[in-house]
Amino acid sequence: MHRNNDDVEHIKKEKHTMSATMNQARPCTISESIIQSCKEVKSMREGRTPKRSLNELFANIEKWSKEEEE
């Protein structure tokens, strides 16, 4: 199967992004991140923190990805 130039460029960009992501230091371990997420959910359920919707999450992810591109 023959790949066109767009496919090749997309693959190169994906590899570059993955490489850059792998080289970033983690601010915490995966288990620490999960524990923190659970604490946030508990706080939201108890009413101490405002609840966030899935749409807000997607909007934030989109915003963060645009900031990283700059």
PDB file of N, CA and C in Angstrom:
ATOM      1  N   MET A   1       0.846  -1.179   0.000  1.00  0.00           N
ATOM      2  CA  MET A   1       0.000   0.000   0.000  1.00  0.00           C
ATOM      3  C   MET A   1       0.889   1.239   0.000  1.00  0.00           C
ATOM      4  N   HIS A   2       0.547   2.205  -0.798  1.00  0.00           N
ATOM      5  CA  HIS A   2       1.343   3.413  -0.951  1.00  0.00           C
ATOM      6  C   HIS A   2       0.758   4.555  -0.117  1.00  0.00           C
ATOM      7  N   ARG A   3       1.611   5.227   0.617  1.00  0.00           N
ATOM      8  CA  ARG A   3       1.151   6.358   1.438  1.00  0.00           C
ATOM      9  C   ARG A   3       1.370   7.661   0.691  1.00  0.00           C
ATOM     10  N   ASN A   4       0.407   8.579   0.817  1.00  0.00           N
ATOM     11  CA  ASN A   4       0.588   9.877   0.195  1.00  0.00           C
ATOM     12  C   ASN A   4       1.371  10.789   1.135  1.00  0.00           C
ATOM     13  N   ASN A   5       1.760  11.952   0.651  1.00  0.00           N
ATOM     14  CA  ASN A   5       2.585  12.882   1.431  1.00  0.00           C
ATOM     15  C   ASN A   5       1.901  13.343   2.707  1.00  0.00           C
ATOM     16  N   ASP A   6       0.583  13.514   2.678  1.00  0.00           N
ATOM     17  CA  ASP A   6      -0.146  13.942   3.874  1.00  0.00           C
ATOM     18  C   ASP A   6      -0.026  12.912   4.989  1.00  0.00           C
ATOM     19  N   ASP A   7      -0.129  11.627   4.617  1.00  0.00           N
ATOM     20  CA  ASP A   7       0.006  10.559   5.611  1.00  0.00           C
ATOM     21  C   ASP A   7       1.399  10.560   6.220  1.00  0.00           C
ATOM     22  N   VAL A   8       2.414  10.712   5.378  1.00  0.00           N
ATOM     23  CA  VAL A   8       3.798  10.701   5.855  1.00  0.00           C
ATOM     24  C   VAL A   8       4.044  11.879   6.796  1.00  0.00           C
ATOM     25  N   GLU A   9       3.572  13.056   6.428  1.00  0.00           N
ATOM     26  CA  GLU A   9       3.745  14.234   7.279  1.00  0.00           C
ATOM     27  C   GLU A   9       3.017  14.070   8.610  1.00  0.00           C
ATOM     28  N   HIS A  10       1.820  13.485   8.560  1.00  0.00           N
ATOM     29  CA  HIS A  10       1.052  13.255   9.780  1.00  0.00           C
ATOM     30  C   HIS A  10       1.802  12.303  10.709  1.00  0.00           C
ATOM     31  N   ILE A  11       2.376  11.263  10.152  1.00  0.00           N
ATOM     32  CA  ILE A  11       3.129  10.286  10.942  1.00  0.00           C
ATOM     33  C   ILE A  11       4.357  10.948  11.563  1.00  0.00           C
ATOM     34  N   LYS A  12       5.062  11.769  10.787  1.00  0.00           N
ATOM     35  CA  LYS A  12       6.246  12.471  11.314  1.00  0.00           C
ATOM     36  C   LYS A  12       5.862  13.392  12.465  1.00  0.00           C
ATOM     37  N   LYS A  13       4.755  14.124  12.298  1.00  0.00           N
ATOM     38  CA  LYS A  13       4.299  15.043  13.342  1.00  0.00           C
ATOM     39  C   LYS A  13       3.903  14.270  14.594  1.00  0.00           C
ATOM     40  N   GLU A  14       3.225  13.138  14.407  1.00  0.00           N
ATOM     41  CA  GLU A  14       2.803  12.299  15.531  1.00  0.00           C
ATOM     42  C   GLU A  14       4.021  11.768  16.296  1.00  0.00           C
ATOM     43  N   LYS A  15       5.039  11.308  15.578  1.00  0.00           N
ATOM     44  CA  LYS A  15       6.253  10.804  16.218  1.00  0.00           C
ATOM     45  C   LYS A  15       6.952  11.910  16.999  1.00  0.00           C
ATOM     46  N   HIS A  16       6.992  13.109  16.426  1.00  0.00           N
ATOM     47  CA  HIS A  16       7.614  14.242  17.109  1.00  0.00           C
ATOM     48  C   HIS A  16       6.860  14.581  18.388  1.00  0.00           C
ATOM     49  N   THR A  17       5.545  14.603  18.322  1.00  0.00           N
ATOM     50  CA  THR A  17       4.715  14.904  19.488  1.00  0.00           C
ATOM     51  C   THR A  17       4.914  13.856  20.567  1.00  0.00           C
ATOM     52  N   MET A  18       4.927  12.583  20.176  1.00  0.00           N
ATOM     53  CA  MET A  18       5.123  11.510  21.142  1.00  0.00           C
ATOM     54  C   MET A  18       6.495  11.613  21.793  1.00  0.00           C
ATOM     55  N   SER A  19       7.509  11.939  21.004  1.00  0.00           N
ATOM     56  CA  SER A  19       8.865  12.061  21.517  1.00  0.00           C
ATOM     57  C   SER A  19       8.947  13.212  22.525  1.00  0.00           C
ATOM     58  N   ALA A  20       8.332  14.340  22.200  1.00  0.00           N
ATOM     59  CA  ALA A  20       8.343  15.490  23.103  1.00  0.00           C
ATOM     60  C   ALA A  20       7.604  15.169  24.392  1.00  0.00           C
ATOM     61  N   THR A  21       6.508  14.444  24.290  1.00  0.00           N
ATOM     62  CA  THR A  21       5.733  14.073  25.466  1.00  0.00           C
ATOM     63  C   THR A  21       6.518  13.123  26.354  1.00  0.00           C
ATOM     64  N   MET A  22       7.220  12.191  25.765  1.00  0.00           N
ATOM     65  CA  MET A  22       7.987  11.217  26.536  1.00  0.00           C
ATOM     66  C   MET A  22       9.136  11.873  27.291  1.00  0.00           C
ATOM     67  N   ASN A  23       9.672  12.986  26.769  1.00  0.00           N
ATOM     68  CA  ASN A  23      10.818  13.644  27.395  1.00  0.00           C
ATOM     69  C   ASN A  23      10.421  14.585  28.527  1.00  0.00           C
ATOM     70  N   GLN A  24       9.142  14.858  28.697  1.00  0.00           N
ATOM     71  CA  GLN A  24       8.700  15.747  29.759  1.00  0.00           C
ATOM     72  C   GLN A  24       8.699  15.006  31.086  1.00  0.00           C
ATOM     73  N   ALA A  25       9.143  15.705  32.123  1.00  0.00           N
ATOM     74  CA  ALA A  25       9.138  15.100  33.454  1.00  0.00           C
ATOM     75  C   ALA A  25       7.721  15.105  33.998  1.00  0.00           C
ATOM     76  N   ARG A  26       7.332  14.026  34.649  1.00  0.00           N
ATOM     77  CA  ARG A  26       6.002  13.951  35.257  1.00  0.00           C
ATOM     78  C   ARG A  26       6.014  14.735  36.557  1.00  0.00           C
ATOM     79  N   PRO A  27       4.973  15.542  36.797  1.00  0.00           N
ATOM     80  CA  PRO A  27       4.905  16.275  38.071  1.00  0.00           C
ATOM     81  C   PRO A  27       4.609  15.345  39.244  1.00  0.00           C
ATOM     82  N   CYS A  28       4.031  14.175  38.953  1.00  0.00           N
ATOM     83  CA  CYS A  28       3.735  13.196  40.001  1.00  0.00           C
ATOM     84  C   CYS A  28       3.596  11.824  39.347  1.00  0.00           C
ATOM     85  N   THR A  29       3.517  10.805  40.175  1.00  0.00           N
ATOM     86  CA  THR A  29       3.354   9.455  39.629  1.00  0.00           C
ATOM     87  C   THR A  29       1.906   9.240  39.195  1.00  0.00           C
ATOM     88  N   ILE A  30       1.680   8.182  38.473  1.00  0.00           N
ATOM     89  CA  ILE A  30       0.327   7.865  38.011  1.00  0.00           C
ATOM     90  C   ILE A  30      -0.586   7.610  39.203  1.00  0.00           C
ATOM     91  N   SER A  31      -0.115   6.858  40.180  1.00  0.00           N
ATOM     92  CA  SER A  31      -0.959   6.572  41.348  1.00  0.00           C
ATOM     93  C   SER A  31      -1.271   7.849  42.129  1.00  0.00           C
ATOM     94  N   GLU A  32      -0.310   8.760  42.243  1.00  0.00           N
ATOM     95  CA  GLU A  32      -0.572  10.040  42.918  1.00  0.00           C
ATOM     96  C   GLU A  32      -1.625  10.850  42.159  1.00  0.00           C
ATOM     97  N   SER A  33      -1.560  10.800  40.842  1.00  0.00           N
ATOM     98  CA  SER A  33      -2.537  11.511  40.014  1.00  0.00           C
ATOM     99  C   SER A  33      -3.940  10.943  40.203  1.00  0.00           C
ATOM    100  N   ILE A  34      -4.048   9.617  40.261  1.00  0.00           N
ATOM    101  CA  ILE A  34      -5.352   8.968  40.460  1.00  0.00           C
ATOM    102  C   ILE A  34      -5.910   9.320  41.834  1.00  0.00           C
ATOM    103  N   ILE A  35      -5.059   9.280  42.852  1.00  0.00           N
ATOM    104  CA  ILE A  35      -5.497   9.635  44.210  1.00  0.00           C
ATOM    105  C   ILE A  35      -5.995  11.073  44.251  1.00  0.00           C
ATOM    106  N   GLN A  36      -5.264  11.988  43.600  1.00  0.00           N
ATOM    107  CA  GLN A  36      -5.673  13.393  43.566  1.00  0.00           C
ATOM    108  C   GLN A  36      -7.017  13.541  42.852  1.00  0.00           C
ATOM    109  N   SER A  37      -7.209  12.828  41.763  1.00  0.00           N
ATOM    110  CA  SER A  37      -8.480  12.880  41.025  1.00  0.00           C
ATOM    111  C   SER A  37      -9.637  12.396  41.889  1.00  0.00           C
ATOM    112  N   CYS A  38      -9.405  11.324  42.629  1.00  0.00           N
ATOM    113  CA  CYS A  38     -10.447  10.799  43.518  1.00  0.00           C
ATOM    114  C   CYS A  38     -10.808  11.815  44.597  1.00  0.00           C
ATOM    115  N   LYS A  39      -9.807  12.495  45.131  1.00  0.00           N
ATOM    116  CA  LYS A  39     -10.057  13.529  46.142  1.00  0.00           C
ATOM    117  C   LYS A  39     -10.881  14.673  45.555  1.00  0.00           C
ATOM    118  N   GLU A  40     -10.569  15.057  44.309  1.00  0.00           N
ATOM    119  CA  GLU A  40     -11.326  16.129  43.655  1.00  0.00           C
ATOM    120  C   GLU A  40     -12.781  15.728  43.440  1.00  0.00           C
ATOM    121  N   VAL A  41     -13.009  14.495  42.998  1.00  0.00           N
ATOM    122  CA  VAL A  41     -14.377  14.008  42.780  1.00  0.00           C
ATOM    123  C   VAL A  41     -15.144  13.996  44.107  1.00  0.00           C
ATOM    124  N   LYS A  42     -14.504  13.509  45.155  1.00  0.00           N
ATOM    125  CA  LYS A  42     -15.142  13.470  46.477  1.00  0.00           C
ATOM    126  C   LYS A  42     -15.506  14.887  46.926  1.00  0.00           C
ATOM    127  N   SER A  43     -14.604  15.819  46.720  1.00  0.00           N
ATOM    128  CA  SER A  43     -14.854  17.212  47.090  1.00  0.00           C
ATOM    129  C   SER A  43     -16.033  17.790  46.302  1.00  0.00           C
ATOM    130  N   MET A  44     -16.125  17.444  45.023  1.00  0.00           N
ATOM    131  CA  MET A  44     -17.259  17.909  44.197  1.00  0.00           C
ATOM    132  C   MET A  44     -18.567  17.319  44.695  1.00  0.00           C
ATOM    133  N   ARG A  45     -18.552  16.035  45.023  1.00  0.00           N
ATOM    134  CA  ARG A  45     -19.770  15.369  45.495  1.00  0.00           C
ATOM    135  C   ARG A  45     -20.241  15.929  46.835  1.00  0.00           C
ATOM    136  N   GLU A  46     -19.294  16.348  47.668  1.00  0.00           N
ATOM    137  CA  GLU A  46     -19.642  16.918  48.965  1.00  0.00           C
ATOM    138  C   GLU A  46     -20.003  18.401  48.864  1.00  0.00           C
ATOM    139  N   GLY A  47     -19.881  18.983  47.674  1.00  0.00           N
ATOM    140  CA  GLY A  47     -20.279  20.367  47.462  1.00  0.00           C
ATOM    141  C   GLY A  47     -19.223  21.395  47.842  1.00  0.00           C
ATOM    142  N   ARG A  48     -18.031  20.957  48.181  1.00  0.00           N
ATOM    143  CA  ARG A  48     -16.972  21.902  48.549  1.00  0.00           C
ATOM    144  C   ARG A  48     -16.301  22.510  47.327  1.00  0.00           C
ATOM    145  N   THR A  49     -16.389  21.839  46.205  1.00  0.00           N
ATOM    146  CA  THR A  49     -15.809  22.309  44.948  1.00  0.00           C
ATOM    147  C   THR A  49     -16.915  22.306  43.897  1.00  0.00           C
ATOM    148  N   PRO A  50     -16.976  23.349  43.060  1.00  0.00           N
ATOM    149  CA  PRO A  50     -18.017  23.352  42.021  1.00  0.00           C
ATOM    150  C   PRO A  50     -17.824  22.187  41.042  1.00  0.00           C
ATOM    151  N   LYS A  51     -18.943  21.597  40.637  1.00  0.00           N
ATOM    152  CA  LYS A  51     -18.885  20.486  39.687  1.00  0.00           C
ATOM    153  C   LYS A  51     -18.512  21.014  38.312  1.00  0.00           C
ATOM    154  N   ARG A  52     -17.797  20.176  37.568  1.00  0.00           N
ATOM    155  CA  ARG A  52     -17.406  20.525  36.198  1.00  0.00           C
ATOM    156  C   ARG A  52     -18.035  19.529  35.249  1.00  0.00           C
ATOM    157  N   SER A  53     -18.477  20.012  34.123  1.00  0.00           N
ATOM    158  CA  SER A  53     -19.115  19.129  33.139  1.00  0.00           C
ATOM    159  C   SER A  53     -18.077  18.563  32.173  1.00  0.00           C
ATOM    160  N   LEU A  54     -18.498  17.554  31.439  1.00  0.00           N
ATOM    161  CA  LEU A  54     -17.634  16.958  30.430  1.00  0.00           C
ATOM    162  C   LEU A  54     -17.320  17.979  29.335  1.00  0.00           C
ATOM    163  N   ASN A  55     -18.282  18.830  29.012  1.00  0.00           N
ATOM    164  CA  ASN A  55     -18.056  19.871  28.004  1.00  0.00           C
ATOM    165  C   ASN A  55     -16.962  20.839  28.457  1.00  0.00           C
ATOM    166  N   GLU A  56     -16.939  21.162  29.754  1.00  0.00           N
ATOM    167  CA  GLU A  56     -15.890  22.033  30.277  1.00  0.00           C
ATOM    168  C   GLU A  56     -14.525  21.360  30.159  1.00  0.00           C
ATOM    169  N   LEU A  57     -14.479  20.067  30.430  1.00  0.00           N
ATOM    170  CA  LEU A  57     -13.232  19.321  30.298  1.00  0.00           C
ATOM    171  C   LEU A  57     -12.727  19.379  28.866  1.00  0.00           C
ATOM    172  N   PHE A  58     -13.609  19.104  27.906  1.00  0.00           N
ATOM    173  CA  PHE A  58     -13.205  19.132  26.504  1.00  0.00           C
ATOM    174  C   PHE A  58     -12.743  20.532  26.087  1.00  0.00           C
ATOM    175  N   ALA A  59     -13.424  21.566  26.566  1.00  0.00           N
ATOM    176  CA  ALA A  59     -13.031  22.939  26.256  1.00  0.00           C
ATOM    177  C   ALA A  59     -11.640  23.231  26.816  1.00  0.00           C
ATOM    178  N   ASN A  60     -11.380  22.764  28.040  1.00  0.00           N
ATOM    179  CA  ASN A  60     -10.057  22.972  28.637  1.00  0.00           C
ATOM    180  C   ASN A  60      -8.970  22.219  27.871  1.00  0.00           C
ATOM    181  N   ILE A  61      -9.255  21.004  27.472  1.00  0.00           N
ATOM    182  CA  ILE A  61      -8.277  20.218  26.716  1.00  0.00           C
ATOM    183  C   ILE A  61      -7.954  20.921  25.404  1.00  0.00           C
ATOM    184  N   GLU A  62      -8.979  21.424  24.740  1.00  0.00           N
ATOM    185  CA  GLU A  62      -8.779  22.140  23.485  1.00  0.00           C
ATOM    186  C   GLU A  62      -7.927  23.392  23.719  1.00  0.00           C
ATOM    187  N   LYS A  63      -8.230  24.125  24.797  1.00  0.00           N
ATOM    188  CA  LYS A  63      -7.476  25.337  25.137  1.00  0.00           C
ATOM    189  C   LYS A  63      -6.015  24.999  25.425  1.00  0.00           C
ATOM    190  N   TRP A  64      -5.786  23.933  26.205  1.00  0.00           N
ATOM    191  CA  TRP A  64      -4.421  23.552  26.557  1.00  0.00           C
ATOM    192  C   TRP A  64      -3.633  23.129  25.326  1.00  0.00           C
ATOM    193  N   SER A  65      -4.269  22.408  24.427  1.00  0.00           N
ATOM    194  CA  SER A  65      -3.555  21.951  23.221  1.00  0.00           C
ATOM    195  C   SER A  65      -3.186  23.131  22.328  1.00  0.00           C
ATOM    196  N   LYS A  66      -4.058  24.148  22.254  1.00  0.00           N
ATOM    197  CA  LYS A  66      -3.749  25.348  21.483  1.00  0.00           C
ATOM    198  C   LYS A  66      -2.590  26.119  22.111  1.00  0.00           C
ATOM    199  N   GLU A  67      -2.553  26.180  23.444  1.00  0.00           N
ATOM    200  CA  GLU A  67      -1.471  26.866  24.138  1.00  0.00           C
ATOM    201  C   GLU A  67      -0.138  26.167  23.885  1.00  0.00           C
ATOM    202  N   GLU A  68      -0.141  24.849  23.842  1.00  0.00           N
ATOM    203  CA  GLU A  68       1.092  24.106  23.612  1.00  0.00           C
ATOM    204  C   GLU A  68       1.601  24.287  22.190  1.00  0.00           C
ATOM    205  N   GLU A  69       0.700  24.511  21.237  1.00  0.00           N
ATOM    206  CA  GLU A  69       1.104  24.700  19.844  1.00  0.00           C
ATOM    207  C   GLU A  69       1.811  26.025  19.644  1.00  0.00           C
ATOM    208  N   GLU A  70       1.542  26.995  20.497  1.00  0.00           N
ATOM    209  CA  GLU A  70       2.121  28.338  20.340  1.00  0.00           C
ATOM    210  C   GLU A  70       3.563  28.380  20.702  1.00  0.00           C
TER     211      GLU A  70
END
